Amino acid sequence: MVTYEDLERWRKEQERIQKIRAKIDEFTDKKDWERLCSVRGIKIVERRKLASDERDENNCFQYVEDLTGIACDAVWSEWYMFPGRPRQLIQVQEPQKGDIIVYSDSSRTWEYIPRHVGVYAGRGKIRSKWGLRHVFEHGINHVPTSYGFDVNFYRKIATASPAAQFPRRSGRQNL
């Protein structure tokens, strides 16, 4: 049973997260990366020369693909559960190092799509690339507001063969 104290703690935590995200929004809007790193729990882990580094042409989806080997379209496939596509990811409740985190915003039903992705680095930290900028390590809720407030974790499925990724039909099959 949820108590009044539980609700009050949750409300205070939400207010704290909103204040942090307001600061993050302010600094990212101004492209003030040094002040952004003054927000507790955010640091640049791969500094990019924003005008000349070819890796800057990659956004968060391509960064995750480079880091994990999971294609960007796998995130979209899992999100929309395209029929007939092999499953590469499974949603998990307890993330492990190397799992993918997907941010979305269910409050905008017309925009309920992945807004941002990163890789779980362990100990409540995420490693992700914000747009065409530096690579950051940050807390789960320490992202710009535009990335949304819904968070889901996914893990790569280890399969013995590509055929194992497809569900079997019941009954006799003629090949």
Protein backbone atom coordinates (compact mmCIF):
# COMPACT_ATOMS: atom_id res chain seq x y z
CA MET A 1 0.00 0.00 0.00
CA VAL A 2 1.29 3.45 -0.94
CA THR A 3 1.45 5.84 1.97
CA TYR A 4 1.22 9.60 2.05
CA GLU A 5 4.93 9.67 2.96
CA ASP A 6 5.74 7.59 -0.14
CA LEU A 7 3.83 10.02 -2.35
CA GLU A 8 5.51 12.99 -0.72
CA ARG A 9 8.97 11.46 -1.27
CA TRP A 10 8.10 10.76 -4.89
CA ARG A 11 6.82 14.33 -5.40
CA LYS A 12 10.00 15.82 -3.90
CA GLU A 13 12.17 13.57 -6.08
CA GLN A 14 10.24 14.68 -9.18
CA GLU A 15 10.73 18.34 -8.23
CA ARG A 16 14.47 17.72 -7.75
CA ILE A 17 14.73 16.04 -11.16
CA GLN A 18 12.82 18.92 -12.82
CA LYS A 19 15.25 21.46 -11.33
CA ILE A 20 18.25 19.47 -12.54
CA ARG A 21 16.75 19.13 -16.02
CA ALA A 22 16.03 22.88 -16.14
CA LYS A 23 19.75 23.54 -15.51
CA ILE A 24 20.71 20.94 -18.12
CA ASP A 25 18.34 22.57 -20.66
CA GLU A 26 19.79 26.01 -19.92
CA PHE A 27 23.39 24.90 -20.48
CA THR A 28 22.70 22.74 -23.54
CA ASP A 29 20.66 25.53 -25.18
CA LYS A 30 23.69 27.82 -24.74
CA LYS A 31 26.11 25.04 -25.75
CA ASP A 32 27.96 25.76 -22.52
CA TRP A 33 29.56 22.35 -22.02
CA GLU A 34 31.86 23.39 -19.18
CA ARG A 35 28.97 24.70 -17.06
CA LEU A 36 26.92 21.63 -17.99
CA CYS A 37 29.64 19.54 -16.34
CA SER A 38 29.13 21.57 -13.15
CA VAL A 39 25.80 19.76 -12.75
CA ARG A 40 26.49 16.98 -10.28
CA GLY A 41 26.73 13.60 -11.99
CA ILE A 42 27.50 14.84 -15.53
CA LYS A 43 30.92 14.66 -17.14
CA ILE A 44 32.38 14.60 -20.62
CA VAL A 45 34.05 11.23 -21.20
CA GLU A 46 34.96 11.75 -24.87
CA ARG A 47 35.69 15.34 -25.80
CA ARG A 48 35.17 16.02 -29.49
CA LYS A 49 36.58 18.76 -31.70
CA LEU A 50 33.13 19.76 -32.76
CA ALA A 51 34.11 21.26 -36.11
CA SER A 52 36.58 18.64 -37.33
CA ASP A 53 35.99 15.26 -35.66
CA GLU A 54 34.24 12.95 -38.16
CA ARG A 55 32.75 10.96 -35.26
CA ASP A 56 30.60 14.03 -34.58
CA GLU A 57 28.52 13.17 -37.61
CA ASN A 58 27.06 10.37 -35.48
CA ASN A 59 24.10 10.96 -33.21
CA CYS A 60 23.18 8.93 -30.10
CA PHE A 61 21.74 6.03 -32.13
CA GLN A 62 24.87 5.60 -34.23
CA TYR A 63 27.06 6.00 -31.14
CA VAL A 64 25.20 3.12 -29.43
CA GLU A 65 25.54 1.03 -32.60
CA ASP A 66 29.32 1.64 -32.65
CA LEU A 67 29.60 0.79 -28.94
CA THR A 68 27.37 -2.31 -28.82
CA GLY A 69 27.18 -3.64 -32.36
CA ILE A 70 23.37 -3.42 -32.20
CA ALA A 71 22.06 -1.69 -35.31
CA CYS A 72 20.05 1.50 -34.87
CA ASP A 73 17.08 -0.07 -36.60
CA ALA A 74 17.02 -2.81 -33.94
CA VAL A 75 15.99 -0.18 -31.38
CA TRP A 76 13.20 0.99 -33.68
CA SER A 77 12.20 -2.60 -34.49
CA GLU A 78 11.88 -3.50 -30.83
CA TRP A 79 9.98 -0.33 -30.13
CA TYR A 80 7.38 -0.95 -32.80
CA MET A 81 7.66 -4.77 -32.69
CA PHE A 82 7.64 -5.11 -36.45
CA PRO A 83 6.19 -8.55 -37.30
CA GLY A 84 8.55 -10.91 -39.06
CA ARG A 85 11.69 -9.13 -37.94
CA PRO A 86 14.16 -11.10 -35.82
CA ARG A 87 14.30 -9.90 -32.24
CA GLN A 88 17.67 -8.60 -31.17
CA LEU A 89 16.70 -7.03 -27.86
CA ILE A 90 14.64 -7.97 -24.83
CA GLN A 91 13.28 -5.44 -22.34
CA VAL A 92 14.72 -5.82 -18.82
CA GLN A 93 13.82 -4.29 -15.46
CA GLU A 94 17.25 -4.52 -13.80
CA PRO A 95 19.93 -3.13 -16.14
CA GLN A 96 23.41 -4.58 -16.41
CA LYS A 97 26.51 -2.92 -17.75
CA GLY A 98 26.25 -2.76 -21.56
CA ASP A 99 22.42 -2.71 -21.72
CA ILE A 100 20.74 -0.08 -23.89
CA ILE A 101 18.58 2.63 -22.33
CA VAL A 102 15.84 4.21 -24.44
CA TYR A 103 14.25 7.55 -23.52
CA SER A 104 10.80 8.51 -24.81
CA ASP A 105 7.89 10.73 -23.89
CA SER A 106 4.49 9.08 -23.48
CA SER A 107 2.90 12.43 -22.60
CA ARG A 108 3.09 13.26 -26.32
CA THR A 109 1.12 10.33 -27.69
CA TRP A 110 1.71 11.47 -31.24
CA GLU A 111 5.45 11.39 -30.54
CA TYR A 112 5.78 8.17 -28.53
CA ILE A 113 9.03 7.16 -30.19
CA PRO A 114 12.60 6.74 -29.00
CA ARG A 115 13.98 10.25 -28.42
CA HIS A 116 17.42 9.27 -27.13
CA VAL A 117 19.49 6.16 -26.45
CA GLY A 118 22.56 5.39 -24.42
CA VAL A 119 24.47 2.51 -22.88
CA TYR A 120 24.22 1.59 -19.21
CA ALA A 121 27.71 1.96 -17.71
CA GLY A 122 26.80 0.55 -14.28
CA ARG A 123 26.18 2.18 -10.91
CA GLY A 124 23.26 4.24 -12.22
CA LYS A 125 25.34 5.92 -14.94
CA ILE A 126 24.62 6.19 -18.65
CA ARG A 127 27.09 6.87 -21.45
CA SER A 128 25.53 8.68 -24.41
CA LYS A 129 26.12 11.22 -27.12
CA TRP A 130 23.91 14.28 -27.04
CA GLY A 131 23.20 15.13 -30.66
CA LEU A 132 26.36 15.79 -32.65
CA ARG A 133 28.33 16.75 -29.54
CA HIS A 134 30.64 15.27 -26.93
CA VAL A 135 30.03 11.89 -25.27
CA PHE A 136 28.73 12.28 -21.72
CA GLU A 137 28.43 10.08 -18.68
CA HIS A 138 25.38 11.05 -16.64
CA GLY A 139 22.73 9.80 -14.26
CA ILE A 140 19.64 8.11 -15.65
CA ASN A 141 17.49 11.24 -15.20
CA HIS A 142 20.25 13.74 -16.00
CA VAL A 143 19.32 14.45 -19.63
CA PRO A 144 17.65 17.33 -21.47
CA THR A 145 13.88 17.53 -21.03
CA SER A 146 13.37 17.03 -24.77
CA TYR A 147 14.50 13.38 -24.40
CA GLY A 148 11.38 12.58 -22.39
CA PHE A 149 10.65 11.12 -18.97
CA ASP A 150 9.98 7.47 -19.89
CA VAL A 151 12.94 5.11 -19.59
CA ASN A 152 13.24 1.49 -20.73
CA PHE A 153 16.24 -0.83 -20.66
CA TYR A 154 16.98 -3.47 -23.29
CA ARG A 155 19.51 -6.30 -23.45
CA LYS A 156 20.90 -8.01 -26.52
CA ILE A 157 19.48 -11.50 -27.01
CA ALA A 158 22.14 -14.21 -27.20
CA THR A 159 20.97 -16.80 -29.69
CA ALA A 160 22.51 -19.99 -31.02
CA SER A 161 21.35 -19.34 -34.58
CA PRO A 162 19.46 -16.69 -36.54
CA ALA A 163 16.51 -19.12 -36.84
CA ALA A 164 16.13 -19.07 -33.04
CA GLN A 165 15.15 -15.40 -33.22
CA PHE A 166 11.94 -16.13 -35.10
CA PRO A 167 8.91 -17.60 -33.29
CA ARG A 168 7.98 -21.11 -34.42
CA ARG A 169 4.61 -21.73 -35.96
CA SER A 170 2.64 -24.59 -34.57
CA GLY A 171 1.67 -27.50 -36.78
CA ARG A 172 3.44 -29.25 -39.61
CA GLN A 173 5.74 -27.18 -41.79
CA ASN A 174 6.67 -28.01 -45.36
CA LEU A 175 10.07 -26.78 -46.36
